[in-house]
C-alpha atoms as a PDB file:
ATOM      1  CA  MET A   1      16.243 -12.931   8.643  1.00  0.00           C
ATOM      2  CA  GLU A   2      14.022 -10.595  10.666  1.00  0.00           C
ATOM      3  CA  PRO A   3      13.374 -11.337  14.345  1.00  0.00           C
ATOM      4  CA  SER A   4      10.014 -12.952  14.997  1.00  0.00           C
ATOM      5  CA  GLY A   5       7.207 -10.500  15.672  1.00  0.00           C
ATOM      6  CA  LYS A   6       8.798  -7.535  13.923  1.00  0.00           C
ATOM      7  CA  SER A   7       6.794  -5.864  11.176  1.00  0.00           C
ATOM      8  CA  VAL A   8       8.290  -5.662   7.705  1.00  0.00           C
ATOM      9  CA  LYS A   9       7.319  -3.919   4.484  1.00  0.00           C
ATOM     10  CA  VAL A  10       5.787  -6.146   1.857  1.00  0.00           C
ATOM     11  CA  TYR A  11       5.675  -4.552  -1.576  1.00  0.00           C
ATOM     12  CA  VAL A  12       2.510  -5.594  -3.401  1.00  0.00           C
ATOM     13  CA  LYS A  13       0.964  -5.278  -6.815  1.00  0.00           C
ATOM     14  CA  VAL A  14      -2.066  -2.964  -6.734  1.00  0.00           C
ATOM     15  CA  GLN A  15      -4.616  -2.399  -9.472  1.00  0.00           C
ATOM     16  CA  THR A  16      -5.412   1.285  -9.306  1.00  0.00           C
ATOM     17  CA  ASP A  17      -7.880   3.637 -10.952  1.00  0.00           C
ATOM     18  CA  ILE A  18      -6.736   7.172 -11.655  1.00  0.00           C
ATOM     19  CA  ASP A  19      -9.508   9.690 -12.248  1.00  0.00           C
ATOM     20  CA  GLU A  20      -9.486  12.765 -14.466  1.00  0.00           C
ATOM     21  CA  ASN A  21      -8.112  14.853 -11.583  1.00  0.00           C
ATOM     22  CA  GLY A  22      -5.161  12.491 -11.050  1.00  0.00           C
ATOM     23  CA  GLN A  23      -6.484  10.947  -7.824  1.00  0.00           C
ATOM     24  CA  MET A  24      -5.370   7.316  -7.356  1.00  0.00           C
ATOM     25  CA  MET A  25      -7.812   4.792  -5.908  1.00  0.00           C
ATOM     26  CA  PRO A  26      -6.559   1.267  -5.204  1.00  0.00           C
ATOM     27  CA  ARG A  27      -9.046  -1.431  -6.252  1.00  0.00           C
ATOM     28  CA  ARG A  28      -7.297  -4.811  -5.904  1.00  0.00           C
ATOM     29  CA  ILE A  29      -4.182  -6.117  -4.111  1.00  0.00           C
ATOM     30  CA  THR A  30      -2.041  -9.058  -5.182  1.00  0.00           C
ATOM     31  CA  TRP A  31      -0.151 -10.416  -2.154  1.00  0.00           C
ATOM     32  CA  GLU A  32       3.417 -11.762  -2.298  1.00  0.00           C
ATOM     33  CA  ASP A  33       2.206 -15.371  -2.692  1.00  0.00           C
ATOM     34  CA  GLY A  34       0.005 -14.484  -5.689  1.00  0.00           C
ATOM     35  CA  ARG A  35      -3.361 -14.370  -3.912  1.00  0.00           C
ATOM     36  CA  SER A  36      -5.518 -11.399  -4.944  1.00  0.00           C
ATOM     37  CA  PHE A  37      -8.040  -9.492  -2.866  1.00  0.00           C
ATOM     38  CA  ASP A  38     -10.623  -6.919  -3.912  1.00  0.00           C
ATOM     39  CA  ILE A  39     -10.648  -3.725  -1.884  1.00  0.00           C
ATOM     40  CA  ASP A  40     -14.205  -3.291  -0.596  1.00  0.00           C
ATOM     41  CA  ARG A  41     -13.792   0.431  -0.014  1.00  0.00           C
ATOM     42  CA  VAL A  42     -11.241   3.146   0.626  1.00  0.00           C
ATOM     43  CA  GLY A  43     -11.571   5.377   3.662  1.00  0.00           C
ATOM     44  CA  ALA A  44      -9.171   8.186   4.530  1.00  0.00           C
ATOM     45  CA  VAL A  45      -6.061   9.006   2.517  1.00  0.00           C
ATOM     46  CA  ARG A  46      -3.336  11.023   4.223  1.00  0.00           C
ATOM     47  CA  PRO A  47       0.433  11.402   4.439  1.00  0.00           C
ATOM     48  CA  ALA A  48       1.725   9.110   7.192  1.00  0.00           C
ATOM     49  CA  TYR A  49       4.723   7.311   8.620  1.00  0.00           C
ATOM     50  CA  ALA A  50       4.621   3.504   8.596  1.00  0.00           C
ATOM     51  CA  ALA A  51       5.440   3.209  12.296  1.00  0.00           C
ATOM     52  CA  LYS A  52       5.615  -0.587  12.420  1.00  0.00           C
ATOM     53  CA  ALA A  53       7.809  -1.296   9.373  1.00  0.00           C
ATOM     54  CA  GLY A  54       9.368   2.098   8.678  1.00  0.00           C
ATOM     55  CA  GLY A  55       8.997   4.313   5.666  1.00  0.00           C
ATOM     56  CA  GLN A  56       6.710   7.122   4.761  1.00  0.00           C
ATOM     57  CA  GLY A  57       4.107   7.793   2.122  1.00  0.00           C
ATOM     58  CA  ASP A  58       0.426   8.217   1.532  1.00  0.00           C
ATOM     59  CA  ARG A  59      -1.559   5.953   3.848  1.00  0.00           C
ATOM     60  CA  TYR A  60      -4.803   4.596   2.456  1.00  0.00           C
ATOM     61  CA  THR A  61      -7.233   3.168   4.986  1.00  0.00           C
ATOM     62  CA  ILE A  62      -8.723   0.247   3.082  1.00  0.00           C
ATOM     63  CA  TYR A  63     -11.240  -2.469   3.847  1.00  0.00           C
ATOM     64  CA  VAL A  64     -10.714  -6.000   2.550  1.00  0.00           C
ATOM     65  CA  ASN A  65     -13.341  -8.627   3.386  1.00  0.00           C
ATOM     66  CA  GLY A  66     -14.717  -6.163   5.941  1.00  0.00           C
ATOM     67  CA  LEU A  67     -11.384  -5.785   7.788  1.00  0.00           C
ATOM     68  CA  GLN A  68      -9.538  -2.474   8.049  1.00  0.00           C
ATOM     69  CA  ARG A  69      -5.935  -2.381   6.816  1.00  0.00           C
ATOM     70  CA  TYR A  70      -3.420   0.323   5.943  1.00  0.00           C
ATOM     71  CA  LEU A  71      -1.978   0.394   2.430  1.00  0.00           C
ATOM     72  CA  PHE A  72       0.933   2.756   1.806  1.00  0.00           C
ATOM     73  CA  PHE A  73       2.046   4.401  -1.421  1.00  0.00           C
ATOM     74  CA  GLU A  74       5.755   5.187  -1.170  1.00  0.00           C
ATOM     75  CA  ARG A  75       6.646   7.907  -3.655  1.00  0.00           C
ATOM     76  CA  SER A  76       9.774   7.524  -5.751  1.00  0.00           C
ATOM     77  CA  THR A  77      12.506  10.134  -5.380  1.00  0.00           C
ATOM     78  CA  ASN A  78      13.607   9.474  -8.970  1.00  0.00           C
ATOM     79  CA  THR A  79      11.970  12.035 -11.244  1.00  0.00           C
ATOM     80  CA  ASN A  80      13.094  10.293 -14.465  1.00  0.00           C
ATOM     81  CA  GLY A  81      11.082   7.592 -16.171  1.00  0.00           C
ATOM     82  CA  ASN A  82       7.623   6.302 -15.421  1.00  0.00           C
ATOM     83  CA  VAL A  83       8.129   4.860 -11.912  1.00  0.00           C
ATOM     84  CA  ILE A  84       6.265   7.168  -9.534  1.00  0.00           C
ATOM     85  CA  GLY A  85       6.303   4.919  -6.486  1.00  0.00           C
ATOM     86  CA  LYS A  86       5.496   1.539  -4.934  1.00  0.00           C
ATOM     87  CA  TRP A  87       2.694   0.152  -2.785  1.00  0.00           C
ATOM     88  CA  PHE A  88       3.347  -1.720   0.444  1.00  0.00           C
ATOM     89  CA  LEU A  89       1.589  -3.272   3.428  1.00  0.00           C
ATOM     90  CA  GLU A  90       3.031  -4.062   6.836  1.00  0.00           C
ATOM     91  CA  ARG A  91       3.342  -7.730   7.760  1.00  0.00           C
ATOM     92  CA  ARG A  92       4.614  -9.381  10.925  1.00  0.00           C
ATOM     93  CA  SER A  93       7.629 -11.563  10.219  1.00  0.00           C
END
């Protein structure tokens, strides 16, 4: 069990649009307890380190119900198959 107050990665299901140029845009998040949230808008997208929970990937600045959050796409190192990566958010334990 994680110590109280420490941030952890929470892998989430994300509905994503991919345009004709291959750009991914997250549209909806399903949290670990099954609740789903529409993403109001996506701001900046940039490579970044998840300082609170560890890990690295593409950080999407998203807005859900008007609140800013960071959604990370962690790229897979496995080049075989159709798994290109996983989405995660940081959550305090």
